[in-house]
C-alpha atoms as a PDB file:
ATOM      1  CA  MET A   1      20.142  53.335  -0.724  1.00  0.00           C
ATOM      2  CA  LYS A   2      21.860  52.589   2.587  1.00  0.00           C
ATOM      3  CA  LYS A   3      18.546  51.474   4.096  1.00  0.00           C
ATOM      4  CA  VAL A   4      18.001  49.057   1.215  1.00  0.00           C
ATOM      5  CA  ARG A   5      21.490  47.626   1.704  1.00  0.00           C
ATOM      6  CA  LYS A   6      20.885  47.153   5.419  1.00  0.00           C
ATOM      7  CA  ARG A   7      17.621  45.338   4.727  1.00  0.00           C
ATOM      8  CA  MET A   8      19.242  43.107   2.111  1.00  0.00           C
ATOM      9  CA  ALA A   9      22.355  42.354   4.178  1.00  0.00           C
ATOM     10  CA  PRO A  10      20.858  39.407   6.168  1.00  0.00           C
ATOM     11  CA  TYR A  11      19.858  37.721   2.898  1.00  0.00           C
ATOM     12  CA  VAL A  12      23.207  38.058   1.120  1.00  0.00           C
ATOM     13  CA  PHE A  13      24.361  34.648   2.406  1.00  0.00           C
ATOM     14  CA  LEU A  14      21.436  33.072   0.512  1.00  0.00           C
ATOM     15  CA  LEU A  15      22.770  34.289  -2.840  1.00  0.00           C
ATOM     16  CA  PRO A  16      25.108  31.281  -3.456  1.00  0.00           C
ATOM     17  CA  PHE A  17      22.241  28.871  -2.730  1.00  0.00           C
ATOM     18  CA  LEU A  18      19.974  30.810  -5.086  1.00  0.00           C
ATOM     19  CA  ILE A  19      22.582  30.688  -7.862  1.00  0.00           C
ATOM     20  CA  ALA A  20      23.132  26.951  -7.290  1.00  0.00           C
ATOM     21  CA  SER A  21      19.367  26.341  -7.420  1.00  0.00           C
ATOM     22  CA  VAL A  22      19.068  28.192 -10.716  1.00  0.00           C
ATOM     23  CA  ILE A  23      22.011  26.346 -12.278  1.00  0.00           C
ATOM     24  CA  PHE A  24      21.335  22.839 -10.999  1.00  0.00           C
ATOM     25  CA  THR A  25      17.532  22.833 -10.633  1.00  0.00           C
ATOM     26  CA  PHE A  26      15.572  25.435 -12.580  1.00  0.00           C
ATOM     27  CA  ILE A  27      17.636  25.423 -15.790  1.00  0.00           C
ATOM     28  CA  PRO A  28      17.643  21.573 -16.044  1.00  0.00           C
ATOM     29  CA  VAL A  29      13.886  21.493 -15.371  1.00  0.00           C
ATOM     30  CA  ILE A  30      13.178  24.032 -18.108  1.00  0.00           C
ATOM     31  CA  TYR A  31      15.530  22.202 -20.482  1.00  0.00           C
ATOM     32  CA  SER A  32      13.825  18.884 -19.711  1.00  0.00           C
ATOM     33  CA  LEU A  33      10.425  20.474 -20.332  1.00  0.00           C
ATOM     34  CA  SER A  34      11.582  21.696 -23.751  1.00  0.00           C
ATOM     35  CA  ILE A  35      12.873  18.192 -24.590  1.00  0.00           C
ATOM     36  CA  SER A  36       9.442  16.722 -23.812  1.00  0.00           C
ATOM     37  CA  PHE A  37       8.115  18.448 -26.946  1.00  0.00           C
ATOM     38  CA  LEU A  38      10.886  17.114 -29.202  1.00  0.00           C
ATOM     39  CA  ASP A  39      11.911  13.879 -30.869  1.00  0.00           C
ATOM     40  CA  PHE A  40      15.214  14.171 -29.027  1.00  0.00           C
ATOM     41  CA  THR A  41      18.314  12.002 -28.606  1.00  0.00           C
ATOM     42  CA  PHE A  42      21.613  12.980 -27.007  1.00  0.00           C
ATOM     43  CA  LEU A  43      23.423  10.961 -29.682  1.00  0.00           C
ATOM     44  CA  ASN A  44      22.283  13.433 -32.338  1.00  0.00           C
ATOM     45  CA  PRO A  45      20.620  16.464 -30.688  1.00  0.00           C
ATOM     46  CA  LYS A  46      20.908  18.663 -33.804  1.00  0.00           C
ATOM     47  CA  ASN A  47      18.389  16.506 -35.668  1.00  0.00           C
ATOM     48  CA  SER A  48      15.668  16.944 -33.048  1.00  0.00           C
ATOM     49  CA  ALA A  49      12.213  17.499 -34.496  1.00  0.00           C
ATOM     50  CA  PHE A  50       9.335  19.326 -32.834  1.00  0.00           C
ATOM     51  CA  MET A  51       6.603  16.874 -31.785  1.00  0.00           C
ATOM     52  CA  GLY A  52       4.181  19.110 -29.914  1.00  0.00           C
ATOM     53  CA  ILE A  53       2.221  17.056 -27.399  1.00  0.00           C
ATOM     54  CA  ASP A  54       2.700  13.799 -29.300  1.00  0.00           C
ATOM     55  CA  ASN A  55       5.177  12.522 -26.697  1.00  0.00           C
ATOM     56  CA  TYR A  56       2.577  13.043 -23.980  1.00  0.00           C
ATOM     57  CA  LYS A  57      -0.069  11.243 -26.058  1.00  0.00           C
ATOM     58  CA  THR A  58       2.345   8.367 -26.676  1.00  0.00           C
ATOM     59  CA  VAL A  59       3.149   7.966 -22.984  1.00  0.00           C
ATOM     60  CA  LEU A  60      -0.475   8.198 -21.826  1.00  0.00           C
ATOM     61  CA  GLY A  61      -1.502   5.650 -24.460  1.00  0.00           C
ATOM     62  CA  ASP A  62       1.303   3.221 -23.619  1.00  0.00           C
ATOM     63  CA  PRO A  63       0.018   0.121 -21.738  1.00  0.00           C
ATOM     64  CA  LEU A  64       3.396  -0.143 -19.987  1.00  0.00           C
ATOM     65  CA  PHE A  65       3.013   3.339 -18.501  1.00  0.00           C
ATOM     66  CA  LEU A  66      -0.458   2.453 -17.236  1.00  0.00           C
ATOM     67  CA  LYS A  67       0.980  -0.777 -15.815  1.00  0.00           C
ATOM     68  CA  SER A  68       3.735   1.151 -14.043  1.00  0.00           C
ATOM     69  CA  LEU A  69       1.149   3.583 -12.674  1.00  0.00           C
ATOM     70  CA  VAL A  70      -0.971   0.731 -11.308  1.00  0.00           C
ATOM     71  CA  ASN A  71       2.081  -0.959  -9.771  1.00  0.00           C
ATOM     72  CA  THR A  72       3.159   2.284  -8.103  1.00  0.00           C
ATOM     73  CA  LEU A  73      -0.339   2.871  -6.711  1.00  0.00           C
ATOM     74  CA  LYS A  74      -0.388  -0.701  -5.369  1.00  0.00           C
ATOM     75  CA  LEU A  75       2.944  -0.041  -3.667  1.00  0.00           C
ATOM     76  CA  ILE A  76       1.541   3.128  -2.101  1.00  0.00           C
ATOM     77  CA  ILE A  77      -1.567   1.296  -0.845  1.00  0.00           C
ATOM     78  CA  VAL A  78       0.562  -1.410   0.801  1.00  0.00           C
ATOM     79  CA  VAL A  79       3.827   0.306   1.758  1.00  0.00           C
ATOM     80  CA  VAL A  80       2.578   3.593   3.215  1.00  0.00           C
ATOM     81  CA  PRO A  81       0.162   2.100   5.805  1.00  0.00           C
ATOM     82  CA  ALA A  82       2.709  -0.610   6.665  1.00  0.00           C
ATOM     83  CA  LEU A  83       5.448   1.964   7.293  1.00  0.00           C
ATOM     84  CA  LEU A  84       3.125   4.131   9.383  1.00  0.00           C
ATOM     85  CA  VAL A  85       1.998   1.263  11.609  1.00  0.00           C
ATOM     86  CA  ILE A  86       5.350  -0.501  11.984  1.00  0.00           C
ATOM     87  CA  SER A  87       7.397   2.649  12.595  1.00  0.00           C
ATOM     88  CA  ILE A  88       5.057   4.026  15.255  1.00  0.00           C
ATOM     89  CA  LEU A  89       4.845   0.667  17.053  1.00  0.00           C
ATOM     90  CA  LEU A  90       8.635   0.338  17.002  1.00  0.00           C
ATOM     91  CA  ALA A  91       9.000   3.883  18.303  1.00  0.00           C
ATOM     92  CA  VAL A  92       6.576   3.271  21.172  1.00  0.00           C
ATOM     93  CA  ALA A  93       8.282  -0.014  22.083  1.00  0.00           C
ATOM     94  CA  LEU A  94      11.798   1.458  21.954  1.00  0.00           C
ATOM     95  CA  ASN A  95      10.771   4.609  23.816  1.00  0.00           C
ATOM     96  CA  ALA A  96      10.073   2.488  26.876  1.00  0.00           C
ATOM     97  CA  LYS A  97      12.780   1.798  29.438  1.00  0.00           C
ATOM     98  CA  ILE A  98      13.984  -1.606  28.276  1.00  0.00           C
ATOM     99  CA  LYS A  99      17.381  -3.296  28.279  1.00  0.00           C
ATOM    100  CA  PHE A 100      19.624  -2.771  25.252  1.00  0.00           C
ATOM    101  CA  ARG A 101      17.331  -0.006  24.017  1.00  0.00           C
ATOM    102  CA  SER A 102      20.162   1.804  22.212  1.00  0.00           C
ATOM    103  CA  PHE A 103      21.228  -1.434  20.514  1.00  0.00           C
ATOM    104  CA  PHE A 104      17.729  -2.134  19.188  1.00  0.00           C
ATOM    105  CA  ARG A 105      17.336   1.442  17.973  1.00  0.00           C
ATOM    106  CA  SER A 106      20.602   1.181  16.050  1.00  0.00           C
ATOM    107  CA  ALA A 107      19.694  -2.264  14.682  1.00  0.00           C
ATOM    108  CA  PHE A 108      16.364  -1.074  13.273  1.00  0.00           C
ATOM    109  CA  TYR A 109      17.895   2.118  11.894  1.00  0.00           C
ATOM    110  CA  LEU A 110      20.864   0.362  10.262  1.00  0.00           C
ATOM    111  CA  PRO A 111      19.015  -0.796   7.072  1.00  0.00           C
ATOM    112  CA  TYR A 112      18.207   2.831   6.267  1.00  0.00           C
ATOM    113  CA  VAL A 113      21.895   3.775   5.975  1.00  0.00           C
ATOM    114  CA  VAL A 114      22.674   0.739   3.803  1.00  0.00           C
ATOM    115  CA  THR A 115      22.514   1.624   0.100  1.00  0.00           C
ATOM    116  CA  PRO A 116      19.259   0.642  -1.656  1.00  0.00           C
ATOM    117  CA  VAL A 117      21.217  -1.441  -4.178  1.00  0.00           C
ATOM    118  CA  ALA A 118      22.811  -3.477  -1.380  1.00  0.00           C
ATOM    119  CA  MET A 119      19.415  -3.939   0.269  1.00  0.00           C
ATOM    120  CA  GLY A 120      18.001  -5.246  -2.998  1.00  0.00           C
ATOM    121  CA  VAL A 121      20.870  -7.713  -3.433  1.00  0.00           C
ATOM    122  CA  ILE A 122      20.488  -8.960   0.150  1.00  0.00           C
ATOM    123  CA  ALA A 123      16.749  -9.442  -0.303  1.00  0.00           C
ATOM    124  CA  VAL A 124      17.248 -11.428  -3.522  1.00  0.00           C
ATOM    125  CA  GLN A 125      19.679 -13.763  -1.722  1.00  0.00           C
ATOM    126  CA  LEU A 126      17.469 -14.182   1.355  1.00  0.00           C
ATOM    127  CA  PHE A 127      14.413 -15.084  -0.715  1.00  0.00           C
ATOM    128  CA  ALA A 128      16.136 -17.306  -3.263  1.00  0.00           C
ATOM    129  CA  LYS A 129      14.876 -20.821  -3.971  1.00  0.00           C
ATOM    130  CA  GLU A 130      15.848 -23.414  -1.331  1.00  0.00           C
ATOM    131  CA  ASN A 131      16.931 -20.696   1.094  1.00  0.00           C
ATOM    132  CA  PHE A 132      15.903 -21.241   4.722  1.00  0.00           C
ATOM    133  CA  ILE A 133      13.296 -18.420   4.667  1.00  0.00           C
ATOM    134  CA  VAL A 134      11.660 -19.709   1.488  1.00  0.00           C
ATOM    135  CA  LYS A 135      11.703 -23.267   2.846  1.00  0.00           C
ATOM    136  CA  ALA A 136      10.077 -22.119   6.062  1.00  0.00           C
ATOM    137  CA  LEU A 137       7.365 -20.260   4.124  1.00  0.00           C
ATOM    138  CA  SER A 138       6.794 -23.285   1.873  1.00  0.00           C
ATOM    139  CA  ALA A 139       5.867 -25.251   4.996  1.00  0.00           C
ATOM    140  CA  ILE A 140       2.776 -23.036   5.353  1.00  0.00           C
ATOM    141  CA  GLY A 141       1.703 -23.416   1.740  1.00  0.00           C
ATOM    142  CA  MET A 142       3.834 -20.917  -0.193  1.00  0.00           C
ATOM    143  CA  ASP A 143       5.855 -21.943  -3.261  1.00  0.00           C
ATOM    144  CA  ASN A 144       9.509 -22.898  -2.929  1.00  0.00           C
ATOM    145  CA  VAL A 145      10.687 -20.527  -5.671  1.00  0.00           C
ATOM    146  CA  SER A 146      13.038 -17.593  -6.081  1.00  0.00           C
ATOM    147  CA  TRP A 147      10.835 -14.633  -5.288  1.00  0.00           C
ATOM    148  CA  HIS A 148      12.576 -12.185  -7.631  1.00  0.00           C
ATOM    149  CA  THR A 149      11.805 -14.367 -10.677  1.00  0.00           C
ATOM    150  CA  THR A 150       8.222 -15.333  -9.838  1.00  0.00           C
ATOM    151  CA  ALA A 151       5.026 -13.299  -9.938  1.00  0.00           C
ATOM    152  CA  PRO A 152       3.426 -12.160  -7.683  1.00  0.00           C
ATOM    153  CA  TYR A 153       6.207 -12.861  -5.162  1.00  0.00           C
ATOM    154  CA  ALA A 154       8.513 -10.327  -6.835  1.00  0.00           C
ATOM    155  CA  PHE A 155       6.078  -7.504  -6.045  1.00  0.00           C
ATOM    156  CA  TRP A 156       5.878  -8.532  -2.395  1.00  0.00           C
ATOM    157  CA  LEU A 157       9.654  -8.788  -2.239  1.00  0.00           C
ATOM    158  CA  VAL A 158       9.823  -5.148  -3.311  1.00  0.00           C
ATOM    159  CA  VAL A 159       7.315  -4.287  -0.573  1.00  0.00           C
ATOM    160  CA  LEU A 160       9.370  -6.115   2.057  1.00  0.00           C
ATOM    161  CA  VAL A 161      12.618  -4.422   1.000  1.00  0.00           C
ATOM    162  CA  VAL A 162      11.102  -0.926   0.970  1.00  0.00           C
ATOM    163  CA  VAL A 163       9.466  -1.360   4.391  1.00  0.00           C
ATOM    164  CA  TRP A 164      12.585  -2.993   5.836  1.00  0.00           C
ATOM    165  CA  SER A 165      14.920  -0.261   4.583  1.00  0.00           C
ATOM    166  CA  GLN A 166      12.783   2.742   5.555  1.00  0.00           C
ATOM    167  CA  MET A 167      11.010   1.825   8.788  1.00  0.00           C
ATOM    168  CA  GLY A 168      14.054   2.732  10.915  1.00  0.00           C
ATOM    169  CA  PHE A 169      14.133   6.297   9.615  1.00  0.00           C
ATOM    170  CA  TYR A 170      10.461   6.918  10.316  1.00  0.00           C
ATOM    171  CA  MET A 171      10.869   5.211  13.701  1.00  0.00           C
ATOM    172  CA  VAL A 172      13.424   7.898  14.600  1.00  0.00           C
ATOM    173  CA  LEU A 173      10.974  10.643  13.597  1.00  0.00           C
ATOM    174  CA  TYR A 174       8.308   9.105  15.831  1.00  0.00           C
ATOM    175  CA  LEU A 175      10.811   8.725  18.684  1.00  0.00           C
ATOM    176  CA  ASN A 176      11.494  12.429  18.465  1.00  0.00           C
ATOM    177  CA  GLY A 177       7.755  13.116  18.557  1.00  0.00           C
ATOM    178  CA  LEU A 178       7.249  10.825  21.557  1.00  0.00           C
ATOM    179  CA  GLN A 179       9.968  12.575  23.535  1.00  0.00           C
ATOM    180  CA  ASN A 180       8.136  15.877  23.068  1.00  0.00           C
ATOM    181  CA  ILE A 181       5.000  14.541  24.774  1.00  0.00           C
ATOM    182  CA  PRO A 182       4.930  15.652  28.449  1.00  0.00           C
ATOM    183  CA  ALA A 183       5.349  12.736  30.846  1.00  0.00           C
ATOM    184  CA  GLU A 184       2.811  14.359  33.185  1.00  0.00           C
ATOM    185  CA  LEU A 185      -0.001  13.442  30.790  1.00  0.00           C
ATOM    186  CA  TYR A 186       0.816   9.732  31.068  1.00  0.00           C
ATOM    187  CA  GLU A 187       1.201   9.994  34.855  1.00  0.00           C
ATOM    188  CA  ALA A 188      -2.199  11.673  35.194  1.00  0.00           C
ATOM    189  CA  ALA A 189      -3.795   9.043  32.947  1.00  0.00           C
ATOM    190  CA  MET A 190      -2.240   6.222  35.006  1.00  0.00           C
ATOM    191  CA  ILE A 191      -3.612   7.786  38.213  1.00  0.00           C
ATOM    192  CA  ASP A 192      -7.049   7.848  36.580  1.00  0.00           C
ATOM    193  CA  GLY A 193      -6.681   4.137  35.801  1.00  0.00           C
ATOM    194  CA  ALA A 194      -6.172   4.391  32.040  1.00  0.00           C
ATOM    195  CA  THR A 195      -4.765   1.218  30.506  1.00  0.00           C
ATOM    196  CA  VAL A 196      -1.773   1.128  28.147  1.00  0.00           C
ATOM    197  CA  LYS A 197      -4.146   0.775  25.211  1.00  0.00           C
ATOM    198  CA  ARG A 198      -6.216   3.794  26.238  1.00  0.00           C
ATOM    199  CA  ARG A 199      -3.101   5.913  26.837  1.00  0.00           C
ATOM    200  CA  PHE A 200      -1.895   5.010  23.347  1.00  0.00           C
ATOM    201  CA  TRP A 201      -5.189   5.860  21.609  1.00  0.00           C
ATOM    202  CA  HIS A 202      -6.085   8.988  23.589  1.00  0.00           C
ATOM    203  CA  ILE A 203      -2.683  10.548  24.316  1.00  0.00           C
ATOM    204  CA  THR A 204       0.059   9.157  22.090  1.00  0.00           C
ATOM    205  CA  LEU A 205      -1.707   9.077  18.715  1.00  0.00           C
ATOM    206  CA  PRO A 206      -3.416  12.516  18.946  1.00  0.00           C
ATOM    207  CA  LEU A 207      -0.207  14.251  20.055  1.00  0.00           C
ATOM    208  CA  LEU A 208       1.793  12.518  17.333  1.00  0.00           C
ATOM    209  CA  LYS A 209      -0.489  13.881  14.605  1.00  0.00           C
ATOM    210  CA  PRO A 210       2.062  16.446  13.268  1.00  0.00           C
ATOM    211  CA  THR A 211       4.699  13.710  13.045  1.00  0.00           C
ATOM    212  CA  THR A 212       2.224  11.362  11.359  1.00  0.00           C
ATOM    213  CA  VAL A 213       1.389  13.999   8.742  1.00  0.00           C
ATOM    214  CA  LEU A 214       5.096  14.464   8.036  1.00  0.00           C
ATOM    215  CA  VAL A 215       5.738  10.709   7.835  1.00  0.00           C
ATOM    216  CA  LEU A 216       2.719  10.200   5.589  1.00  0.00           C
ATOM    217  CA  PHE A 217       3.879  12.912   3.193  1.00  0.00           C
ATOM    218  CA  MET A 218       7.449  11.596   3.086  1.00  0.00           C
ATOM    219  CA  CYS A 219       6.303   7.980   2.598  1.00  0.00           C
ATOM    220  CA  LEU A 220       4.035   9.015  -0.246  1.00  0.00           C
ATOM    221  CA  LEU A 221       6.743  10.958  -2.067  1.00  0.00           C
ATOM    222  CA  SER A 222       9.437   8.312  -1.612  1.00  0.00           C
ATOM    223  CA  THR A 223       7.143   5.517  -2.824  1.00  0.00           C
ATOM    224  CA  LEU A 224       6.050   7.485  -5.884  1.00  0.00           C
ATOM    225  CA  GLN A 225       9.716   7.982  -6.827  1.00  0.00           C
ATOM    226  CA  ILE A 226      10.990   4.506  -5.990  1.00  0.00           C
ATOM    227  CA  LEU A 227      13.512   2.997  -8.400  1.00  0.00           C
ATOM    228  CA  ASP A 228      16.602   1.400  -6.867  1.00  0.00           C
ATOM    229  CA  GLN A 229      15.208  -1.604  -4.993  1.00  0.00           C
ATOM    230  CA  PRO A 230      12.710  -2.785  -7.655  1.00  0.00           C
ATOM    231  CA  TYR A 231      15.305  -2.233 -10.375  1.00  0.00           C
ATOM    232  CA  VAL A 232      17.899  -4.409  -8.613  1.00  0.00           C
ATOM    233  CA  ILE A 233      15.339  -7.099  -7.788  1.00  0.00           C
ATOM    234  CA  SER A 234      13.898  -7.236 -11.308  1.00  0.00           C
ATOM    235  CA  THR A 235      17.222  -7.187 -13.197  1.00  0.00           C
ATOM    236  CA  THR A 236      19.017  -9.869 -11.159  1.00  0.00           C
ATOM    237  CA  GLY A 237      20.132 -12.600 -13.559  1.00  0.00           C
ATOM    238  CA  ASN A 238      20.199 -10.208 -16.550  1.00  0.00           C
ATOM    239  CA  ALA A 239      16.409  -9.972 -16.676  1.00  0.00           C
ATOM    240  CA  THR A 240      14.717  -6.895 -18.142  1.00  0.00           C
ATOM    241  CA  PRO A 241      13.733  -4.069 -15.749  1.00  0.00           C
ATOM    242  CA  GLY A 242      10.268  -4.713 -14.340  1.00  0.00           C
ATOM    243  CA  SER A 243      10.492  -8.512 -14.551  1.00  0.00           C
ATOM    244  CA  PRO A 244       8.796 -10.860 -14.071  1.00  0.00           C
ATOM    245  CA  GLY A 245       5.923  -9.855 -16.329  1.00  0.00           C
ATOM    246  CA  ASP A 246       6.262  -6.135 -15.490  1.00  0.00           C
ATOM    247  CA  THR A 247       5.024  -6.820 -11.934  1.00  0.00           C
ATOM    248  CA  THR A 248       7.841  -4.702 -10.453  1.00  0.00           C
ATOM    249  CA  LEU A 249       7.739  -1.923 -13.052  1.00  0.00           C
ATOM    250  CA  THR A 250       7.342   1.485 -11.361  1.00  0.00           C
ATOM    251  CA  MET A 251       6.766   4.876 -12.955  1.00  0.00           C
ATOM    252  CA  VAL A 252      10.349   6.016 -12.416  1.00  0.00           C
ATOM    253  CA  MET A 253      11.658   2.707 -13.806  1.00  0.00           C
ATOM    254  CA  TYR A 254       9.455   3.251 -16.860  1.00  0.00           C
ATOM    255  CA  ILE A 255      11.066   6.674 -17.338  1.00  0.00           C
ATOM    256  CA  TYR A 256      14.518   5.140 -16.902  1.00  0.00           C
ATOM    257  CA  ASN A 257      13.789   2.500 -19.552  1.00  0.00           C
ATOM    258  CA  LEU A 258      12.581   5.095 -22.052  1.00  0.00           C
ATOM    259  CA  ALA A 259      15.592   7.338 -21.509  1.00  0.00           C
ATOM    260  CA  PHE A 260      18.501   4.923 -21.222  1.00  0.00           C
ATOM    261  CA  ARG A 261      17.350   1.622 -22.740  1.00  0.00           C
ATOM    262  CA  TYR A 262      15.383   2.900 -25.717  1.00  0.00           C
ATOM    263  CA  ARG A 263      17.047   6.357 -26.058  1.00  0.00           C
ATOM    264  CA  LYS A 264      13.651   8.097 -26.240  1.00  0.00           C
ATOM    265  CA  MET A 265      14.537  11.199 -24.265  1.00  0.00           C
ATOM    266  CA  GLY A 266      11.518  13.170 -25.465  1.00  0.00           C
ATOM    267  CA  SER A 267       9.049  10.545 -24.280  1.00  0.00           C
ATOM    268  CA  ALA A 268      11.013  10.073 -21.054  1.00  0.00           C
ATOM    269  CA  SER A 269      10.841  13.812 -20.325  1.00  0.00           C
ATOM    270  CA  ALA A 270       7.118  13.831 -21.056  1.00  0.00           C
ATOM    271  CA  ALA A 271       6.616  10.866 -18.690  1.00  0.00           C
ATOM    272  CA  SER A 272       8.645  12.599 -15.972  1.00  0.00           C
ATOM    273  CA  PHE A 273       6.418  15.678 -16.134  1.00  0.00           C
ATOM    274  CA  ILE A 274       3.305  13.514 -16.003  1.00  0.00           C
ATOM    275  CA  VAL A 275       4.701  11.911 -12.842  1.00  0.00           C
ATOM    276  CA  PHE A 276       5.480  15.389 -11.505  1.00  0.00           C
ATOM    277  CA  LEU A 277       1.870  16.448 -12.068  1.00  0.00           C
ATOM    278  CA  ILE A 278       0.612  13.328 -10.282  1.00  0.00           C
ATOM    279  CA  ILE A 279       2.867  14.074  -7.283  1.00  0.00           C
ATOM    280  CA  PHE A 280       1.815  17.736  -7.325  1.00  0.00           C
ATOM    281  CA  VAL A 281      -1.903  16.910  -7.362  1.00  0.00           C
ATOM    282  CA  LEU A 282      -1.549  14.323  -4.585  1.00  0.00           C
ATOM    283  CA  SER A 283       0.420  16.829  -2.500  1.00  0.00           C
ATOM    284  CA  LEU A 284      -2.303  19.445  -2.965  1.00  0.00           C
ATOM    285  CA  ILE A 285      -5.006  16.960  -1.959  1.00  0.00           C
ATOM    286  CA  GLN A 286      -3.048  15.945   1.127  1.00  0.00           C
ATOM    287  CA  ASN A 287      -2.401  19.557   2.160  1.00  0.00           C
ATOM    288  CA  MET A 288      -6.066  20.464   1.670  1.00  0.00           C
ATOM    289  CA  THR A 289      -7.178  17.434   3.690  1.00  0.00           C
ATOM    290  CA  VAL A 290      -4.798  18.212   6.536  1.00  0.00           C
ATOM    291  CA  GLY A 291      -5.807  21.868   6.496  1.00  0.00           C
ATOM    292  CA  ARG A 292      -9.532  21.037   6.772  1.00  0.00           C
ATOM    293  CA  LYS A 293      -8.918  18.652   9.686  1.00  0.00           C
ATOM    294  CA  GLU A 294      -6.926  21.293  11.544  1.00  0.00           C
ATOM    295  CA  GLU A 295      -9.727  23.825  11.078  1.00  0.00           C
END
């Protein structure tokens, strides 16, 4: 018995975290899963009726859910590569010995610590009709309109806000990866006459692969779960979430609308578990792909 206690002693400090996880994570997840099979409302939970998988059928057959899925996939296709490219280029540029390097690092990181709601409000104001940015873009053929009220500009405004707010964080991750690359490799390559471009492609990128995998995974998850910025952009001026024309409707916003606008908690829970399955499958595919490349 004493031996068992000695073995368990190092893990005793984990007990509070385990209890907290059960209370605040596992129990709510199980409860939400049970709600997904009910015609449930918090206004009158006693009158809930068992629906079976009807909520799942309703969500999968809803054109708005399919629209939100397409919009989210479009965001992934655009945002994830943009964040990867921009953050690594910023990291390489700000890893060099340049003047005011600390200032530029802080300036690019600052949008990440600003709340997503504030970032959305700022973006709406910057790309409003007759603003200097919109006027400048109209000179090259774009429309002089408020981007948040006009399709397809509203979608691209969401893209700009997401990239702008997150690139600083991923830049910091790449900076950390760059500082772990031995300087001797670059010195040897310079002696051999390798250009900056060749050093980047044959030293920097291959040795940053673990960081790139991490950034890719984090970008994918954050984009799949995005809500704040598109919600603020689409609802400015008392418009409905996802406006204009559902071009900014994401999967999480769809769940939010079901739960809190239409009080359909059962359907919202079903939609949330469908999104969870999508994230789970994509994570498995990514892990399998990375594992095969490493082998």
